[in-house]
Amino acid sequence: MTDDMMNLRAFVEKSPDADLLREMIGFAAERLMELEVGAATGAGYGERNPLRTAQRNGDRERD
């Protein structure tokens, strides 16, 4: 598995579009994290919702 990841990384770094690919992966990762936080809190960023289960700053009841 590690060798496969190293090969993929070497391939991407040699690609002429490496910066574009890096930006696309970063955007996708950010979006996925945003959706995960929205699902955990019950509200999107900046959204007011009376049914909200937690705050985005981590202030919530822990199990």
PDB file of N, CA and C in Angstrom:
ATOM      1  N   MET A   1       0.830  -1.202   0.000  1.00  0.00           N
ATOM      2  CA  MET A   1       0.000   0.000   0.000  1.00  0.00           C
ATOM      3  C   MET A   1       0.865   1.253   0.000  1.00  0.00           C
ATOM      4  N   THR A   2       1.908   1.267   0.820  1.00  0.00           N
ATOM      5  CA  THR A   2       2.779   2.439   0.895  1.00  0.00           C
ATOM      6  C   THR A   2       3.462   2.686  -0.431  1.00  0.00           C
ATOM      7  N   ASP A   3       3.901   1.622  -1.091  1.00  0.00           N
ATOM      8  CA  ASP A   3       4.556   1.782  -2.387  1.00  0.00           C
ATOM      9  C   ASP A   3       3.597   2.371  -3.411  1.00  0.00           C
ATOM     10  N   ASP A   4       2.332   1.933  -3.366  1.00  0.00           N
ATOM     11  CA  ASP A   4       1.337   2.469  -4.289  1.00  0.00           C
ATOM     12  C   ASP A   4       1.131   3.960  -4.066  1.00  0.00           C
ATOM     13  N   MET A   5       1.071   4.374  -2.791  1.00  0.00           N
ATOM     14  CA  MET A   5       0.883   5.794  -2.479  1.00  0.00           C
ATOM     15  C   MET A   5       2.085   6.607  -2.941  1.00  0.00           C
ATOM     16  N   MET A   6       3.286   6.074  -2.760  1.00  0.00           N
ATOM     17  CA  MET A   6       4.495   6.781  -3.190  1.00  0.00           C
ATOM     18  C   MET A   6       4.513   6.912  -4.712  1.00  0.00           C
ATOM     19  N   ASN A   7       4.104   5.851  -5.414  1.00  0.00           N
ATOM     20  CA  ASN A   7       4.056   5.906  -6.868  1.00  0.00           C
ATOM     21  C   ASN A   7       3.041   6.932  -7.336  1.00  0.00           C
ATOM     22  N   LEU A   8       1.892   6.979  -6.700  1.00  0.00           N
ATOM     23  CA  LEU A   8       0.866   7.950  -7.051  1.00  0.00           C
ATOM     24  C   LEU A   8       1.374   9.367  -6.798  1.00  0.00           C
ATOM     25  N   ARG A   9       2.014   9.566  -5.660  1.00  0.00           N
ATOM     26  CA  ARG A   9       2.535  10.889  -5.329  1.00  0.00           C
ATOM     27  C   ARG A   9       3.592  11.331  -6.345  1.00  0.00           C
ATOM     28  N   ALA A  10       4.513  10.436  -6.704  1.00  0.00           N
ATOM     29  CA  ALA A  10       5.548  10.750  -7.692  1.00  0.00           C
ATOM     30  C   ALA A  10       4.910  11.082  -9.035  1.00  0.00           C
ATOM     31  N   PHE A  11       3.891  10.329  -9.424  1.00  0.00           N
ATOM     32  CA  PHE A  11       3.197  10.586 -10.684  1.00  0.00           C
ATOM     33  C   PHE A  11       2.542  11.969 -10.687  1.00  0.00           C
ATOM     34  N   VAL A  12       1.868  12.302  -9.588  1.00  0.00           N
ATOM     35  CA  VAL A  12       1.184  13.596  -9.499  1.00  0.00           C
ATOM     36  C   VAL A  12       2.184  14.741  -9.497  1.00  0.00           C
ATOM     37  N   GLU A  13       3.289  14.590  -8.776  1.00  0.00           N
ATOM     38  CA  GLU A  13       4.281  15.657  -8.704  1.00  0.00           C
ATOM     39  C   GLU A  13       4.956  15.911 -10.046  1.00  0.00           C
ATOM     40  N   LYS A  14       5.045  14.893 -10.887  1.00  0.00           N
ATOM     41  CA  LYS A  14       5.670  15.046 -12.204  1.00  0.00           C
ATOM     42  C   LYS A  14       4.691  15.574 -13.244  1.00  0.00           C
ATOM     43  N   SER A  15       3.438  15.554 -12.920  1.00  0.00           N
ATOM     44  CA  SER A  15       2.404  15.990 -13.854  1.00  0.00           C
ATOM     45  C   SER A  15       2.472  17.500 -14.063  1.00  0.00           C
ATOM     46  N   PRO A  16       2.267  17.970 -15.298  1.00  0.00           N
ATOM     47  CA  PRO A  16       2.276  19.422 -15.535  1.00  0.00           C
ATOM     48  C   PRO A  16       1.095  20.130 -14.865  1.00  0.00           C
ATOM     49  N   ASP A  17       0.055  19.390 -14.552  1.00  0.00           N
ATOM     50  CA  ASP A  17      -1.128  19.964 -13.912  1.00  0.00           C
ATOM     51  C   ASP A  17      -1.167  19.655 -12.423  1.00  0.00           C
ATOM     52  N   ALA A  18      -0.020  19.476 -11.797  1.00  0.00           N
ATOM     53  CA  ALA A  18       0.041  19.097 -10.393  1.00  0.00           C
ATOM     54  C   ALA A  18      -0.634  20.134  -9.497  1.00  0.00           C
ATOM     55  N   ASP A  19      -0.436  21.426  -9.778  1.00  0.00           N
ATOM     56  CA  ASP A  19      -1.052  22.465  -8.950  1.00  0.00           C
ATOM     57  C   ASP A  19      -2.570  22.432  -9.059  1.00  0.00           C
ATOM     58  N   LEU A  20      -3.069  22.249 -10.264  1.00  0.00           N
ATOM     59  CA  LEU A  20      -4.512  22.177 -10.465  1.00  0.00           C
ATOM     60  C   LEU A  20      -5.090  20.969  -9.735  1.00  0.00           C
ATOM     61  N   LEU A  21      -4.436  19.835  -9.862  1.00  0.00           N
ATOM     62  CA  LEU A  21      -4.896  18.623  -9.192  1.00  0.00           C
ATOM     63  C   LEU A  21      -4.873  18.805  -7.686  1.00  0.00           C
ATOM     64  N   ARG A  22      -3.814  19.418  -7.165  1.00  0.00           N
ATOM     65  CA  ARG A  22      -3.705  19.670  -5.722  1.00  0.00           C
ATOM     66  C   ARG A  22      -4.845  20.571  -5.253  1.00  0.00           C
ATOM     67  N   GLU A  23      -5.164  21.606  -6.013  1.00  0.00           N
ATOM     68  CA  GLU A  23      -6.271  22.504  -5.674  1.00  0.00           C
ATOM     69  C   GLU A  23      -7.604  21.768  -5.697  1.00  0.00           C
ATOM     70  N   MET A  24      -7.805  20.917  -6.680  1.00  0.00           N
ATOM     71  CA  MET A  24      -9.057  20.174  -6.785  1.00  0.00           C
ATOM     72  C   MET A  24      -9.230  19.219  -5.618  1.00  0.00           C
ATOM     73  N   ILE A  25      -8.167  18.523  -5.249  1.00  0.00           N
ATOM     74  CA  ILE A  25      -8.236  17.593  -4.120  1.00  0.00           C
ATOM     75  C   ILE A  25      -8.479  18.358  -2.824  1.00  0.00           C
ATOM     76  N   GLY A  26      -7.799  19.500  -2.671  1.00  0.00           N
ATOM     77  CA  GLY A  26      -8.001  20.325  -1.476  1.00  0.00           C
ATOM     78  C   GLY A  26      -9.434  20.818  -1.371  1.00  0.00           C
ATOM     79  N   PHE A  27     -10.003  21.266  -2.493  1.00  0.00           N
ATOM     80  CA  PHE A  27     -11.386  21.740  -2.510  1.00  0.00           C
ATOM     81  C   PHE A  27     -12.341  20.613  -2.133  1.00  0.00           C
ATOM     82  N   ALA A  28     -12.124  19.432  -2.708  1.00  0.00           N
ATOM     83  CA  ALA A  28     -13.005  18.293  -2.419  1.00  0.00           C
ATOM     84  C   ALA A  28     -12.910  17.900  -0.942  1.00  0.00           C
ATOM     85  N   ALA A  29     -11.702  17.900  -0.397  1.00  0.00           N
ATOM     86  CA  ALA A  29     -11.532  17.538   1.009  1.00  0.00           C
ATOM     87  C   ALA A  29     -12.218  18.555   1.913  1.00  0.00           C
ATOM     88  N   GLU A  30     -12.070  19.838   1.598  1.00  0.00           N
ATOM     89  CA  GLU A  30     -12.733  20.886   2.388  1.00  0.00           C
ATOM     90  C   GLU A  30     -14.238  20.738   2.345  1.00  0.00           C
ATOM     91  N   ARG A  31     -14.760  20.479   1.172  1.00  0.00           N
ATOM     92  CA  ARG A  31     -16.209  20.337   1.011  1.00  0.00           C
ATOM     93  C   ARG A  31     -16.733  19.137   1.796  1.00  0.00           C
ATOM     94  N   LEU A  32     -16.011  18.023   1.737  1.00  0.00           N
ATOM     95  CA  LEU A  32     -16.433  16.838   2.491  1.00  0.00           C
ATOM     96  C   LEU A  32     -16.411  17.100   3.991  1.00  0.00           C
ATOM     97  N   MET A  33     -15.385  17.796   4.471  1.00  0.00           N
ATOM     98  CA  MET A  33     -15.325  18.114   5.898  1.00  0.00           C
ATOM     99  C   MET A  33     -16.460  19.059   6.290  1.00  0.00           C
ATOM    100  N   GLU A  34     -16.782  20.012   5.428  1.00  0.00           N
ATOM    101  CA  GLU A  34     -17.872  20.947   5.699  1.00  0.00           C
ATOM    102  C   GLU A  34     -19.201  20.207   5.801  1.00  0.00           C
ATOM    103  N   LEU A  35     -19.429  19.254   4.905  1.00  0.00           N
ATOM    104  CA  LEU A  35     -20.660  18.463   4.952  1.00  0.00           C
ATOM    105  C   LEU A  35     -20.717  17.604   6.214  1.00  0.00           C
ATOM    106  N   GLU A  36     -19.576  17.049   6.604  1.00  0.00           N
ATOM    107  CA  GLU A  36     -19.533  16.233   7.816  1.00  0.00           C
ATOM    108  C   GLU A  36     -19.846  17.068   9.062  1.00  0.00           C
ATOM    109  N   VAL A  37     -19.277  18.267   9.143  1.00  0.00           N
ATOM    110  CA  VAL A  37     -19.551  19.145  10.287  1.00  0.00           C
ATOM    111  C   VAL A  37     -21.006  19.577  10.291  1.00  0.00           C
ATOM    112  N   GLY A  38     -21.543  19.893   9.120  1.00  0.00           N
ATOM    113  CA  GLY A  38     -22.948  20.268   9.028  1.00  0.00           C
ATOM    114  C   GLY A  38     -23.868  19.159   9.495  1.00  0.00           C
ATOM    115  N   ALA A  39     -23.517  17.931   9.158  1.00  0.00           N
ATOM    116  CA  ALA A  39     -24.324  16.787   9.596  1.00  0.00           C
ATOM    117  C   ALA A  39     -24.208  16.578  11.107  1.00  0.00           C
ATOM    118  N   ALA A  40     -23.023  16.810  11.653  1.00  0.00           N
ATOM    119  CA  ALA A  40     -22.819  16.607  13.092  1.00  0.00           C
ATOM    120  C   ALA A  40     -23.498  17.687  13.924  1.00  0.00           C
ATOM    121  N   THR A  41     -23.553  18.915  13.409  1.00  0.00           N
ATOM    122  CA  THR A  41     -24.126  20.018  14.183  1.00  0.00           C
ATOM    123  C   THR A  41     -25.610  20.215  13.912  1.00  0.00           C
ATOM    124  N   GLY A  42     -26.081  19.764  12.772  1.00  0.00           N
ATOM    125  CA  GLY A  42     -27.480  19.950  12.429  1.00  0.00           C
ATOM    126  C   GLY A  42     -27.746  21.285  11.750  1.00  0.00           C
ATOM    127  N   ALA A  43     -26.698  22.008  11.372  1.00  0.00           N
ATOM    128  CA  ALA A  43     -26.858  23.290  10.685  1.00  0.00           C
ATOM    129  C   ALA A  43     -25.599  23.584   9.875  1.00  0.00           C
ATOM    130  N   GLY A  44     -25.776  24.285   8.773  1.00  0.00           N
ATOM    131  CA  GLY A  44     -24.649  24.675   7.944  1.00  0.00           C
ATOM    132  C   GLY A  44     -23.915  25.864   8.531  1.00  0.00           C
ATOM    133  N   TYR A  45     -22.823  26.254   7.889  1.00  0.00           N
ATOM    134  CA  TYR A  45     -22.013  27.374   8.340  1.00  0.00           C
ATOM    135  C   TYR A  45     -22.834  28.665   8.330  1.00  0.00           C
ATOM    136  N   GLY A  46     -22.901  29.338   9.458  1.00  0.00           N
ATOM    137  CA  GLY A  46     -23.631  30.597   9.563  1.00  0.00           C
ATOM    138  C   GLY A  46     -25.142  30.439   9.644  1.00  0.00           C
ATOM    139  N   GLU A  47     -25.620  29.236   9.607  1.00  0.00           N
ATOM    140  CA  GLU A  47     -27.058  28.974   9.614  1.00  0.00           C
ATOM    141  C   GLU A  47     -27.591  28.919  11.042  1.00  0.00           C
ATOM    142  N   ARG A  48     -28.705  29.555  11.276  1.00  0.00           N
ATOM    143  CA  ARG A  48     -29.370  29.507  12.580  1.00  0.00           C
ATOM    144  C   ARG A  48     -30.462  28.442  12.504  1.00  0.00           C
ATOM    145  N   ASN A  49     -30.434  27.538  13.455  1.00  0.00           N
ATOM    146  CA  ASN A  49     -31.389  26.451  13.452  1.00  0.00           C
ATOM    147  C   ASN A  49     -31.716  26.103  14.907  1.00  0.00           C
ATOM    148  N   PRO A  50     -32.984  26.200  15.302  1.00  0.00           N
ATOM    149  CA  PRO A  50     -33.337  25.897  16.695  1.00  0.00           C
ATOM    150  C   PRO A  50     -33.098  24.429  17.064  1.00  0.00           C
ATOM    151  N   LEU A  51     -33.000  23.560  16.082  1.00  0.00           N
ATOM    152  CA  LEU A  51     -32.770  22.141  16.336  1.00  0.00           C
ATOM    153  C   LEU A  51     -31.286  21.783  16.308  1.00  0.00           C
ATOM    154  N   ARG A  52     -30.442  22.793  16.243  1.00  0.00           N
ATOM    155  CA  ARG A  52     -28.998  22.576  16.183  1.00  0.00           C
ATOM    156  C   ARG A  52     -28.540  21.742  17.380  1.00  0.00           C
ATOM    157  N   THR A  53     -27.685  20.755  17.130  1.00  0.00           N
ATOM    158  CA  THR A  53     -27.251  19.849  18.191  1.00  0.00           C
ATOM    159  C   THR A  53     -25.915  20.231  18.814  1.00  0.00           C
ATOM    160  N   ALA A  54     -25.141  21.105  18.164  1.00  0.00           N
ATOM    161  CA  ALA A  54     -23.823  21.477  18.686  1.00  0.00           C
ATOM    162  C   ALA A  54     -23.368  22.775  18.014  1.00  0.00           C
ATOM    163  N   GLN A  55     -22.294  23.340  18.529  1.00  0.00           N
ATOM    164  CA  GLN A  55     -21.691  24.529  17.938  1.00  0.00           C
ATOM    165  C   GLN A  55     -20.488  24.108  17.097  1.00  0.00           C
ATOM    166  N   ARG A  56     -20.183  24.883  16.078  1.00  0.00           N
ATOM    167  CA  ARG A  56     -19.076  24.554  15.184  1.00  0.00           C
ATOM    168  C   ARG A  56     -17.713  24.709  15.860  1.00  0.00           C
ATOM    169  N   ASN A  57     -17.664  25.424  16.975  1.00  0.00           N
ATOM    170  CA  ASN A  57     -16.382  25.612  17.651  1.00  0.00           C
ATOM    171  C   ASN A  57     -16.050  24.463  18.594  1.00  0.00           C
ATOM    172  N   GLY A  58     -16.866  23.421  18.612  1.00  0.00           N
ATOM    173  CA  GLY A  58     -16.589  22.245  19.424  1.00  0.00           C
ATOM    174  C   GLY A  58     -17.305  22.231  20.762  1.00  0.00           C
ATOM    175  N   ASP A  59     -18.115  23.237  21.047  1.00  0.00           N
ATOM    176  CA  ASP A  59     -18.829  23.312  22.316  1.00  0.00           C
ATOM    177  C   ASP A  59     -20.103  22.489  22.223  1.00  0.00           C
ATOM    178  N   ARG A  60     -20.051  21.253  22.752  1.00  0.00           N
ATOM    179  CA  ARG A  60     -21.227  20.376  22.714  1.00  0.00           C
ATOM    180  C   ARG A  60     -21.097  19.310  23.783  1.00  0.00           C
ATOM    181  N   GLU A  61     -22.213  18.650  24.038  1.00  0.00           N
ATOM    182  CA  GLU A  61     -22.218  17.530  24.976  1.00  0.00           C
ATOM    183  C   GLU A  61     -21.453  16.366  24.345  1.00  0.00           C
ATOM    184  N   ARG A  62     -20.560  15.792  25.098  1.00  0.00           N
ATOM    185  CA  ARG A  62     -19.785  14.651  24.606  1.00  0.00           C
ATOM    186  C   ARG A  62     -20.317  13.375  25.228  1.00  0.00           C
ATOM    187  N   ASP A  63     -20.250  12.288  24.474  1.00  0.00           N
ATOM    188  CA  ASP A  63     -20.705  10.984  24.974  1.00  0.00           C
ATOM    189  C   ASP A  63     -19.680  10.381  25.902  1.00  0.00           C
TER     190      ASP A  63
END
